[in-house]
Amino acid sequence: MDAPLRKLTIVCPREVEAVLADALDAMEPSVPGYTLVEAHGRGAAMHSASAVEKVRGALRTAMFILILPRERVEDVTETVRGACPRPQISYWVEPVEDFGRLADA
């Protein structure tokens, strides 16, 4: 059986973090929420790094993590693509086996 929820992870340069956050916040219907993490990326994309990032050996990135119904993933990725079409923004999707709260509110 296919899991009805998906984990969508979007990684972008930190300088466009606010643009992506604004696009996600403005979506209708709204996304159920997301986690935003400051991260550091390493790899072949270092040619686009700033001088400071080259010294550190890592790009400053932002990682958005969303848990969504499967049918919302394409809508969210298209919204992000429309708000900030950059090749430096990557994403991946994973099935979510279970999701919940550890205690009642």
PDB file of N, CA and C in Angstrom:
ATOM      1  N   MET A   1       0.832  -1.180   0.000  1.00  0.00           N
ATOM      2  CA  MET A   1       0.000   0.000   0.000  1.00  0.00           C
ATOM      3  C   MET A   1       0.882   1.250   0.000  1.00  0.00           C
ATOM      4  N   ASP A   2       0.543   2.237  -0.806  1.00  0.00           N
ATOM      5  CA  ASP A   2       1.308   3.462  -0.927  1.00  0.00           C
ATOM      6  C   ASP A   2       0.950   4.421   0.210  1.00  0.00           C
ATOM      7  N   ALA A   3       1.976   4.993   0.839  1.00  0.00           N
ATOM      8  CA  ALA A   3       1.749   5.946   1.935  1.00  0.00           C
ATOM      9  C   ALA A   3       1.084   7.210   1.403  1.00  0.00           C
ATOM     10  N   PRO A   4       0.056   7.740   2.093  1.00  0.00           N
ATOM     11  CA  PRO A   4      -0.643   8.931   1.614  1.00  0.00           C
ATOM     12  C   PRO A   4       0.118  10.240   1.852  1.00  0.00           C
ATOM     13  N   LEU A   5       1.130  10.209   2.710  1.00  0.00           N
ATOM     14  CA  LEU A   5       1.902  11.416   3.010  1.00  0.00           C
ATOM     15  C   LEU A   5       3.280  11.347   2.369  1.00  0.00           C
ATOM     16  N   ARG A   6       3.813  12.529   2.083  1.00  0.00           N
ATOM     17  CA  ARG A   6       5.149  12.640   1.522  1.00  0.00           C
ATOM     18  C   ARG A   6       5.947  13.671   2.312  1.00  0.00           C
ATOM     19  N   LYS A   7       7.238  13.427   2.404  1.00  0.00           N
ATOM     20  CA  LYS A   7       8.170  14.412   2.953  1.00  0.00           C
ATOM     21  C   LYS A   7       8.826  15.084   1.751  1.00  0.00           C
ATOM     22  N   LEU A   8       8.597  16.373   1.598  1.00  0.00           N
ATOM     23  CA  LEU A   8       9.200  17.161   0.535  1.00  0.00           C
ATOM     24  C   LEU A   8      10.313  17.994   1.153  1.00  0.00           C
ATOM     25  N   THR A   9      11.526  17.820   0.652  1.00  0.00           N
ATOM     26  CA  THR A   9      12.673  18.591   1.109  1.00  0.00           C
ATOM     27  C   THR A   9      13.123  19.485  -0.034  1.00  0.00           C
ATOM     28  N   ILE A  10      13.266  20.769   0.238  1.00  0.00           N
ATOM     29  CA  ILE A  10      13.721  21.741  -0.754  1.00  0.00           C
ATOM     30  C   ILE A  10      14.964  22.415  -0.192  1.00  0.00           C
ATOM     31  N   VAL A  11      16.040  22.417  -0.970  1.00  0.00           N
ATOM     32  CA  VAL A  11      17.289  23.049  -0.550  1.00  0.00           C
ATOM     33  C   VAL A  11      17.599  24.182  -1.518  1.00  0.00           C
ATOM     34  N   CYS A  12      17.896  25.360  -0.958  1.00  0.00           N
ATOM     35  CA  CYS A  12      18.155  26.535  -1.792  1.00  0.00           C
ATOM     36  C   CYS A  12      19.302  27.352  -1.212  1.00  0.00           C
ATOM     37  N   PRO A  13      19.891  28.234  -2.027  1.00  0.00           N
ATOM     38  CA  PRO A  13      20.871  29.168  -1.477  1.00  0.00           C
ATOM     39  C   PRO A  13      20.204  30.036  -0.404  1.00  0.00           C
ATOM     40  N   ARG A  14      20.930  30.347   0.630  1.00  0.00           N
ATOM     41  CA  ARG A  14      20.336  31.085   1.738  1.00  0.00           C
ATOM     42  C   ARG A  14      19.820  32.461   1.320  1.00  0.00           C
ATOM     43  N   GLU A  15      20.385  33.045   0.265  1.00  0.00           N
ATOM     44  CA  GLU A  15      19.929  34.384  -0.140  1.00  0.00           C
ATOM     45  C   GLU A  15      18.527  34.389  -0.736  1.00  0.00           C
ATOM     46  N   VAL A  16      17.972  33.233  -1.097  1.00  0.00           N
ATOM     47  CA  VAL A  16      16.594  33.201  -1.607  1.00  0.00           C
ATOM     48  C   VAL A  16      15.625  32.553  -0.615  1.00  0.00           C
ATOM     49  N   GLU A  17      16.100  32.280   0.586  1.00  0.00           N
ATOM     50  CA  GLU A  17      15.273  31.661   1.624  1.00  0.00           C
ATOM     51  C   GLU A  17      13.983  32.445   1.867  1.00  0.00           C
ATOM     52  N   ALA A  18      14.067  33.762   1.990  1.00  0.00           N
ATOM     53  CA  ALA A  18      12.884  34.580   2.277  1.00  0.00           C
ATOM     54  C   ALA A  18      11.883  34.538   1.130  1.00  0.00           C
ATOM     55  N   VAL A  19      12.369  34.521  -0.106  1.00  0.00           N
ATOM     56  CA  VAL A  19      11.474  34.449  -1.273  1.00  0.00           C
ATOM     57  C   VAL A  19      10.685  33.146  -1.244  1.00  0.00           C
ATOM     58  N   LEU A  20      11.377  32.030  -0.966  1.00  0.00           N
ATOM     59  CA  LEU A  20      10.686  30.741  -0.912  1.00  0.00           C
ATOM     60  C   LEU A  20       9.722  30.676   0.265  1.00  0.00           C
ATOM     61  N   ALA A  21      10.134  31.190   1.423  1.00  0.00           N
ATOM     62  CA  ALA A  21       9.249  31.189   2.591  1.00  0.00           C
ATOM     63  C   ALA A  21       7.992  32.005   2.305  1.00  0.00           C
ATOM     64  N   ASP A  22       8.152  33.163   1.676  1.00  0.00           N
ATOM     65  CA  ASP A  22       6.990  33.989   1.330  1.00  0.00           C
ATOM     66  C   ASP A  22       6.064  33.257   0.364  1.00  0.00           C
ATOM     67  N   ALA A  23       6.639  32.565  -0.619  1.00  0.00           N
ATOM     68  CA  ALA A  23       5.824  31.822  -1.590  1.00  0.00           C
ATOM     69  C   ALA A  23       5.051  30.701  -0.908  1.00  0.00           C
ATOM     70  N   LEU A  24       5.704  29.978  -0.003  1.00  0.00           N
ATOM     71  CA  LEU A  24       5.019  28.905   0.727  1.00  0.00           C
ATOM     72  C   LEU A  24       3.937  29.477   1.640  1.00  0.00           C
ATOM     73  N   ASP A  25       4.243  30.577   2.313  1.00  0.00           N
ATOM     74  CA  ASP A  25       3.282  31.186   3.236  1.00  0.00           C
ATOM     75  C   ASP A  25       2.050  31.733   2.520  1.00  0.00           C
ATOM     76  N   ALA A  26       2.206  32.120   1.257  1.00  0.00           N
ATOM     77  CA  ALA A  26       1.101  32.714   0.499  1.00  0.00           C
ATOM     78  C   ALA A  26       0.245  31.683  -0.234  1.00  0.00           C
ATOM     79  N   MET A  27       0.620  30.420  -0.173  1.00  0.00           N
ATOM     80  CA  MET A  27      -0.119  29.405  -0.935  1.00  0.00           C
ATOM     81  C   MET A  27      -1.555  29.261  -0.456  1.00  0.00           C
ATOM     82  N   GLU A  28      -2.447  29.078  -1.410  1.00  0.00           N
ATOM     83  CA  GLU A  28      -3.857  28.773  -1.134  1.00  0.00           C
ATOM     84  C   GLU A  28      -4.236  27.540  -1.937  1.00  0.00           C
ATOM     85  N   PRO A  29      -4.711  26.499  -1.320  1.00  0.00           N
ATOM     86  CA  PRO A  29      -4.822  26.338   0.132  1.00  0.00           C
ATOM     87  C   PRO A  29      -3.434  26.320   0.775  1.00  0.00           C
ATOM     88  N   SER A  30      -3.399  26.725   2.020  1.00  0.00           N
ATOM     89  CA  SER A  30      -2.117  26.849   2.707  1.00  0.00           C
ATOM     90  C   SER A  30      -1.476  25.484   2.936  1.00  0.00           C
ATOM     91  N   VAL A  31      -0.153  25.491   3.027  1.00  0.00           N
ATOM     92  CA  VAL A  31       0.552  24.262   3.386  1.00  0.00           C
ATOM     93  C   VAL A  31       0.367  24.059   4.886  1.00  0.00           C
ATOM     94  N   PRO A  32       0.403  22.808   5.360  1.00  0.00           N
ATOM     95  CA  PRO A  32       0.156  22.561   6.783  1.00  0.00           C
ATOM     96  C   PRO A  32       1.263  23.073   7.701  1.00  0.00           C
ATOM     97  N   GLY A  33       2.347  23.537   7.136  1.00  0.00           N
ATOM     98  CA  GLY A  33       3.479  24.024   7.919  1.00  0.00           C
ATOM     99  C   GLY A  33       4.763  23.457   7.352  1.00  0.00           C
ATOM    100  N   TYR A  34       5.876  23.973   7.822  1.00  0.00           N
ATOM    101  CA  TYR A  34       7.165  23.463   7.367  1.00  0.00           C
ATOM    102  C   TYR A  34       8.223  23.779   8.405  1.00  0.00           C
ATOM    103  N   THR A  35       9.315  23.073   8.306  1.00  0.00           N
ATOM    104  CA  THR A  35      10.477  23.317   9.145  1.00  0.00           C
ATOM    105  C   THR A  35      11.548  23.921   8.258  1.00  0.00           C
ATOM    106  N   LEU A  36      12.206  24.954   8.735  1.00  0.00           N
ATOM    107  CA  LEU A  36      13.262  25.628   7.987  1.00  0.00           C
ATOM    108  C   LEU A  36      14.561  25.479   8.764  1.00  0.00           C
ATOM    109  N   VAL A  37      15.577  24.923   8.106  1.00  0.00           N
ATOM    110  CA  VAL A  37      16.844  24.628   8.755  1.00  0.00           C
ATOM    111  C   VAL A  37      17.977  25.315   7.997  1.00  0.00           C
ATOM    112  N   GLU A  38      18.870  25.981   8.712  1.00  0.00           N
ATOM    113  CA  GLU A  38      20.086  26.492   8.085  1.00  0.00           C
ATOM    114  C   GLU A  38      21.014  25.307   7.881  1.00  0.00           C
ATOM    115  N   ALA A  39      21.561  25.186   6.672  1.00  0.00           N
ATOM    116  CA  ALA A  39      22.398  24.032   6.356  1.00  0.00           C
ATOM    117  C   ALA A  39      23.637  24.483   5.587  1.00  0.00           C
ATOM    118  N   HIS A  40      24.514  23.541   5.324  1.00  0.00           N
ATOM    119  CA  HIS A  40      25.720  23.782   4.537  1.00  0.00           C
ATOM    120  C   HIS A  40      25.828  22.673   3.504  1.00  0.00           C
ATOM    121  N   GLY A  41      25.995  23.069   2.246  1.00  0.00           N
ATOM    122  CA  GLY A  41      26.101  22.095   1.167  1.00  0.00           C
ATOM    123  C   GLY A  41      27.532  21.977   0.668  1.00  0.00           C
ATOM    124  N   ARG A  42      27.901  20.773   0.339  1.00  0.00           N
ATOM    125  CA  ARG A  42      29.230  20.502  -0.221  1.00  0.00           C
ATOM    126  C   ARG A  42      29.040  19.722  -1.503  1.00  0.00           C
ATOM    127  N   GLY A  43      29.955  19.892  -2.432  1.00  0.00           N
ATOM    128  CA  GLY A  43      29.866  19.119  -3.662  1.00  0.00           C
ATOM    129  C   GLY A  43      30.311  19.904  -4.878  1.00  0.00           C
ATOM    130  N   ALA A  44      29.831  19.471  -6.031  1.00  0.00           N
ATOM    131  CA  ALA A  44      30.267  20.018  -7.309  1.00  0.00           C
ATOM    132  C   ALA A  44      29.860  21.468  -7.526  1.00  0.00           C
ATOM    133  N   ALA A  45      28.890  21.980  -6.800  1.00  0.00           N
ATOM    134  CA  ALA A  45      28.391  23.344  -7.010  1.00  0.00           C
ATOM    135  C   ALA A  45      29.269  24.412  -6.366  1.00  0.00           C
ATOM    136  N   MET A  46      30.432  24.060  -5.875  1.00  0.00           N
ATOM    137  CA  MET A  46      31.294  25.031  -5.194  1.00  0.00           C
ATOM    138  C   MET A  46      31.776  26.146  -6.116  1.00  0.00           C
ATOM    139  N   HIS A  47      31.668  25.976  -7.426  1.00  0.00           N
ATOM    140  CA  HIS A  47      32.081  27.043  -8.348  1.00  0.00           C
ATOM    141  C   HIS A  47      31.239  28.310  -8.160  1.00  0.00           C
ATOM    142  N   SER A  48      30.025  28.163  -7.612  1.00  0.00           N
ATOM    143  CA  SER A  48      29.161  29.327  -7.391  1.00  0.00           C
ATOM    144  C   SER A  48      29.290  29.890  -5.976  1.00  0.00           C
ATOM    145  N   ALA A  49      30.227  29.368  -5.205  1.00  0.00           N
ATOM    146  CA  ALA A  49      30.383  29.777  -3.808  1.00  0.00           C
ATOM    147  C   ALA A  49      31.019  31.160  -3.694  1.00  0.00           C
ATOM    148  N   SER A  50      30.666  31.850  -2.616  1.00  0.00           N
ATOM    149  CA  SER A  50      31.315  33.125  -2.300  1.00  0.00           C
ATOM    150  C   SER A  50      32.727  32.831  -1.792  1.00  0.00           C
ATOM    151  N   ALA A  51      33.527  33.879  -1.634  1.00  0.00           N
ATOM    152  CA  ALA A  51      34.891  33.704  -1.133  1.00  0.00           C
ATOM    153  C   ALA A  51      34.886  33.056   0.255  1.00  0.00           C
ATOM    154  N   VAL A  52      33.992  33.519   1.126  1.00  0.00           N
ATOM    155  CA  VAL A  52      33.901  32.954   2.479  1.00  0.00           C
ATOM    156  C   VAL A  52      33.509  31.479   2.412  1.00  0.00           C
ATOM    157  N   GLU A  53      32.537  31.149   1.563  1.00  0.00           N
ATOM    158  CA  GLU A  53      32.100  29.756   1.433  1.00  0.00           C
ATOM    159  C   GLU A  53      33.224  28.880   0.894  1.00  0.00           C
ATOM    160  N   LYS A  54      34.023  29.413  -0.030  1.00  0.00           N
ATOM    161  CA  LYS A  54      35.154  28.638  -0.564  1.00  0.00           C
ATOM    162  C   LYS A  54      36.177  28.351   0.521  1.00  0.00           C
ATOM    163  N   VAL A  55      36.439  29.328   1.388  1.00  0.00           N
ATOM    164  CA  VAL A  55      37.371  29.112   2.495  1.00  0.00           C
ATOM    165  C   VAL A  55      36.818  28.052   3.442  1.00  0.00           C
ATOM    166  N   ARG A  56      35.526  28.132   3.747  1.00  0.00           N
ATOM    167  CA  ARG A  56      34.888  27.151   4.643  1.00  0.00           C
ATOM    168  C   ARG A  56      34.712  25.793   3.976  1.00  0.00           C
ATOM    169  N   GLY A  57      34.649  25.788   2.647  1.00  0.00           N
ATOM    170  CA  GLY A  57      34.463  24.534   1.916  1.00  0.00           C
ATOM    171  C   GLY A  57      33.018  24.089   1.841  1.00  0.00           C
ATOM    172  N   ALA A  58      32.079  25.013   2.073  1.00  0.00           N
ATOM    173  CA  ALA A  58      30.659  24.648   2.039  1.00  0.00           C
ATOM    174  C   ALA A  58      29.816  25.860   1.669  1.00  0.00           C
ATOM    175  N   LEU A  59      28.744  25.611   0.921  1.00  0.00           N
ATOM    176  CA  LEU A  59      27.780  26.646   0.560  1.00  0.00           C
ATOM    177  C   LEU A  59      26.781  26.829   1.693  1.00  0.00           C
ATOM    178  N   ARG A  60      26.399  28.071   1.963  1.00  0.00           N
ATOM    179  CA  ARG A  60      25.352  28.344   2.960  1.00  0.00           C
ATOM    180  C   ARG A  60      24.008  28.093   2.283  1.00  0.00           C
ATOM    181  N   THR A  61      23.243  27.169   2.810  1.00  0.00           N
ATOM    182  CA  THR A  61      21.955  26.824   2.216  1.00  0.00           C
ATOM    183  C   THR A  61      20.846  26.852   3.261  1.00  0.00           C
ATOM    184  N   ALA A  62      19.627  26.827   2.759  1.00  0.00           N
ATOM    185  CA  ALA A  62      18.445  26.701   3.609  1.00  0.00           C
ATOM    186  C   ALA A  62      17.715  25.439   3.176  1.00  0.00           C
ATOM    187  N   MET A  63      17.189  24.698   4.134  1.00  0.00           N
ATOM    188  CA  MET A  63      16.463  23.465   3.852  1.00  0.00           C
ATOM    189  C   MET A  63      15.047  23.584   4.411  1.00  0.00           C
ATOM    190  N   PHE A  64      14.081  23.483   3.514  1.00  0.00           N
ATOM    191  CA  PHE A  64      12.670  23.480   3.889  1.00  0.00           C
ATOM    192  C   PHE A  64      12.209  22.029   3.922  1.00  0.00           C
ATOM    193  N   ILE A  65      11.558  21.628   5.002  1.00  0.00           N
ATOM    194  CA  ILE A  65      11.041  20.266   5.131  1.00  0.00           C
ATOM    195  C   ILE A  65       9.542  20.359   5.361  1.00  0.00           C
ATOM    196  N   LEU A  66       8.778  19.721   4.470  1.00  0.00           N
ATOM    197  CA  LEU A  66       7.317  19.749   4.553  1.00  0.00           C
ATOM    198  C   LEU A  66       6.785  18.325   4.560  1.00  0.00           C
ATOM    199  N   ILE A  67       5.781  18.057   5.375  1.00  0.00           N
ATOM    200  CA  ILE A  67       5.038  16.801   5.336  1.00  0.00           C
ATOM    201  C   ILE A  67       3.685  17.143   4.728  1.00  0.00           C
ATOM    202  N   LEU A  68       3.400  16.524   3.589  1.00  0.00           N
ATOM    203  CA  LEU A  68       2.226  16.895   2.797  1.00  0.00           C
ATOM    204  C   LEU A  68       1.462  15.676   2.319  1.00  0.00           C
ATOM    205  N   PRO A  69       0.178  15.854   2.033  1.00  0.00           N
ATOM    206  CA  PRO A  69      -0.527  14.810   1.297  1.00  0.00           C
ATOM    207  C   PRO A  69       0.144  14.651  -0.076  1.00  0.00           C
ATOM    208  N   ARG A  70       0.244  13.453  -0.532  1.00  0.00           N
ATOM    209  CA  ARG A  70       0.897  13.128  -1.806  1.00  0.00           C
ATOM    210  C   ARG A  70       0.449  14.049  -2.936  1.00  0.00           C
ATOM    211  N   GLU A  71      -0.851  14.350  -2.999  1.00  0.00           N
ATOM    212  CA  GLU A  71      -1.395  15.141  -4.108  1.00  0.00           C
ATOM    213  C   GLU A  71      -1.008  16.626  -4.057  1.00  0.00           C
ATOM    214  N   ARG A  72      -0.408  17.100  -2.973  1.00  0.00           N
ATOM    215  CA  ARG A  72      -0.004  18.518  -2.865  1.00  0.00           C
ATOM    216  C   ARG A  72       1.437  18.768  -3.306  1.00  0.00           C
ATOM    217  N   VAL A  73       2.228  17.719  -3.440  1.00  0.00           N
ATOM    218  CA  VAL A  73       3.655  17.885  -3.724  1.00  0.00           C
ATOM    219  C   VAL A  73       3.893  18.661  -5.020  1.00  0.00           C
ATOM    220  N   GLU A  74       3.226  18.290  -6.093  1.00  0.00           N
ATOM    221  CA  GLU A  74       3.443  18.969  -7.371  1.00  0.00           C
ATOM    222  C   GLU A  74       3.040  20.439  -7.289  1.00  0.00           C
ATOM    223  N   ASP A  75       1.950  20.731  -6.609  1.00  0.00           N
ATOM    224  CA  ASP A  75       1.496  22.112  -6.440  1.00  0.00           C
ATOM    225  C   ASP A  75       2.561  22.946  -5.728  1.00  0.00           C
ATOM    226  N   VAL A  76       3.148  22.387  -4.688  1.00  0.00           N
ATOM    227  CA  VAL A  76       4.171  23.110  -3.926  1.00  0.00           C
ATOM    228  C   VAL A  76       5.436  23.303  -4.758  1.00  0.00           C
ATOM    229  N   THR A  77       5.898  22.263  -5.437  1.00  0.00           N
ATOM    230  CA  THR A  77       7.116  22.415  -6.242  1.00  0.00           C
ATOM    231  C   THR A  77       6.901  23.404  -7.385  1.00  0.00           C
ATOM    232  N   GLU A  78       5.721  23.424  -7.976  1.00  0.00           N
ATOM    233  CA  GLU A  78       5.437  24.393  -9.043  1.00  0.00           C
ATOM    234  C   GLU A  78       5.382  25.818  -8.493  1.00  0.00           C
ATOM    235  N   THR A  79       4.858  25.995  -7.291  1.00  0.00           N
ATOM    236  CA  THR A  79       4.835  27.315  -6.660  1.00  0.00           C
ATOM    237  C   THR A  79       6.253  27.816  -6.415  1.00  0.00           C
ATOM    238  N   VAL A  80       7.108  26.949  -5.893  1.00  0.00           N
ATOM    239  CA  VAL A  80       8.505  27.316  -5.644  1.00  0.00           C
ATOM    240  C   VAL A  80       9.206  27.627  -6.966  1.00  0.00           C
ATOM    241  N   ARG A  81       8.994  26.795  -7.967  1.00  0.00           N
ATOM    242  CA  ARG A  81       9.605  27.007  -9.283  1.00  0.00           C
ATOM    243  C   ARG A  81       9.179  28.361  -9.862  1.00  0.00           C
ATOM    244  N   GLY A  82       7.914  28.704  -9.718  1.00  0.00           N
ATOM    245  CA  GLY A  82       7.418  29.977 -10.224  1.00  0.00           C
ATOM    246  C   GLY A  82       7.956  31.174  -9.462  1.00  0.00           C
ATOM    247  N   ALA A  83       8.128  31.024  -8.153  1.00  0.00           N
ATOM    248  CA  ALA A  83       8.601  32.130  -7.319  1.00  0.00           C
ATOM    249  C   ALA A  83      10.091  32.392  -7.494  1.00  0.00           C
ATOM    250  N   CYS A  84      10.838  31.349  -7.782  1.00  0.00           N
ATOM    251  CA  CYS A  84      12.297  31.491  -7.824  1.00  0.00           C
ATOM    252  C   CYS A  84      12.903  30.401  -8.706  1.00  0.00           C
ATOM    253  N   PRO A  85      12.793  30.539 -10.028  1.00  0.00           N
ATOM    254  CA  PRO A  85      13.304  29.496 -10.924  1.00  0.00           C
ATOM    255  C   PRO A  85      14.834  29.528 -11.028  1.00  0.00           C
ATOM    256  N   ARG A  86      15.501  28.783 -10.186  1.00  0.00           N
ATOM    257  CA  ARG A  86      16.967  28.748 -10.164  1.00  0.00           C
ATOM    258  C   ARG A  86      17.446  27.307 -10.220  1.00  0.00           C
ATOM    259  N   PRO A  87      18.498  27.040 -10.980  1.00  0.00           N
ATOM    260  CA  PRO A  87      19.031  25.676 -11.009  1.00  0.00           C
ATOM    261  C   PRO A  87      19.684  25.263  -9.692  1.00  0.00           C
ATOM    262  N   GLN A  88      20.003  26.227  -8.814  1.00  0.00           N
ATOM    263  CA  GLN A  88      20.627  25.899  -7.527  1.00  0.00           C
ATOM    264  C   GLN A  88      19.622  25.397  -6.496  1.00  0.00           C
ATOM    265  N   ILE A  89      18.341  25.407  -6.819  1.00  0.00           N
ATOM    266  CA  ILE A  89      17.324  24.903  -5.892  1.00  0.00           C
ATOM    267  C   ILE A  89      17.042  23.454  -6.250  1.00  0.00           C
ATOM    268  N   SER A  90      17.196  22.590  -5.274  1.00  0.00           N
ATOM    269  CA  SER A  90      16.925  21.167  -5.511  1.00  0.00           C
ATOM    270  C   SER A  90      15.854  20.685  -4.543  1.00  0.00           C
ATOM    271  N   TYR A  91      15.247  19.564  -4.890  1.00  0.00           N
ATOM    272  CA  TYR A  91      14.224  18.988  -4.016  1.00  0.00           C
ATOM    273  C   TYR A  91      14.226  17.477  -4.169  1.00  0.00           C
ATOM    274  N   TRP A  92      13.661  16.813  -3.184  1.00  0.00           N
ATOM    275  CA  TRP A  92      13.413  15.380  -3.274  1.00  0.00           C
ATOM    276  C   TRP A  92      12.192  15.048  -2.444  1.00  0.00           C
ATOM    277  N   VAL A  93      11.609  13.908  -2.757  1.00  0.00           N
ATOM    278  CA  VAL A  93      10.357  13.479  -2.130  1.00  0.00           C
ATOM    279  C   VAL A  93      10.557  12.074  -1.573  1.00  0.00           C
ATOM    280  N   GLU A  94      10.077  11.860  -0.359  1.00  0.00           N
ATOM    281  CA  GLU A  94      10.165  10.556   0.298  1.00  0.00           C
ATOM    282  C   GLU A  94       8.801  10.174   0.858  1.00  0.00           C
ATOM    283  N   PRO A  95       8.465   8.877   0.859  1.00  0.00           N
ATOM    284  CA  PRO A  95       7.215   8.459   1.491  1.00  0.00           C
ATOM    285  C   PRO A  95       7.320   8.595   3.014  1.00  0.00           C
ATOM    286  N   VAL A  96       6.202   8.901   3.648  1.00  0.00           N
ATOM    287  CA  VAL A  96       6.137   8.998   5.113  1.00  0.00           C
ATOM    288  C   VAL A  96       5.281   7.839   5.599  1.00  0.00           C
ATOM    289  N   GLU A  97       5.874   6.960   6.375  1.00  0.00           N
ATOM    290  CA  GLU A  97       5.161   5.785   6.872  1.00  0.00           C
ATOM    291  C   GLU A  97       4.176   6.130   7.976  1.00  0.00           C
ATOM    292  N   ASP A  98       4.537   7.108   8.814  1.00  0.00           N
ATOM    293  CA  ASP A  98       3.683   7.469   9.937  1.00  0.00           C
ATOM    294  C   ASP A  98       3.982   8.917  10.305  1.00  0.00           C
ATOM    295  N   PHE A  99       2.986   9.609  10.841  1.00  0.00           N
ATOM    296  CA  PHE A  99       3.167  10.996  11.264  1.00  0.00           C
ATOM    297  C   PHE A  99       2.169  11.279  12.370  1.00  0.00           C
ATOM    298  N   GLY A 100       2.616  11.958  13.413  1.00  0.00           N
ATOM    299  CA  GLY A 100       1.710  12.297  14.506  1.00  0.00           C
ATOM    300  C   GLY A 100       2.409  13.125  15.559  1.00  0.00           C
ATOM    301  N   ARG A 101       1.727  13.362  16.646  1.00  0.00           N
ATOM    302  CA  ARG A 101       2.253  14.114  17.790  1.00  0.00           C
ATOM    303  C   ARG A 101       2.528  13.128  18.918  1.00  0.00           C
ATOM    304  N   LEU A 102       3.530  13.423  19.726  1.00  0.00           N
ATOM    305  CA  LEU A 102       3.885  12.523  20.819  1.00  0.00           C
ATOM    306  C   LEU A 102       3.006  12.702  22.043  1.00  0.00           C
ATOM    307  N   ALA A 103       2.249  13.789  22.084  1.00  0.00           N
ATOM    308  CA  ALA A 103       1.315  14.020  23.188  1.00  0.00           C
ATOM    309  C   ALA A 103       0.161  14.865  22.676  1.00  0.00           C
ATOM    310  N   ASP A 104      -0.974  14.768  23.343  1.00  0.00           N
ATOM    311  CA  ASP A 104      -2.126  15.593  22.987  1.00  0.00           C
ATOM    312  C   ASP A 104      -1.908  17.019  23.478  1.00  0.00           C
ATOM    313  N   ALA A 105      -2.459  17.967  22.752  1.00  0.00           N
ATOM    314  CA  ALA A 105      -2.317  19.383  23.138  1.00  0.00           C
ATOM    315  C   ALA A 105      -3.204  19.710  24.310  1.00  0.00           C
TER     316      ALA A 105
END
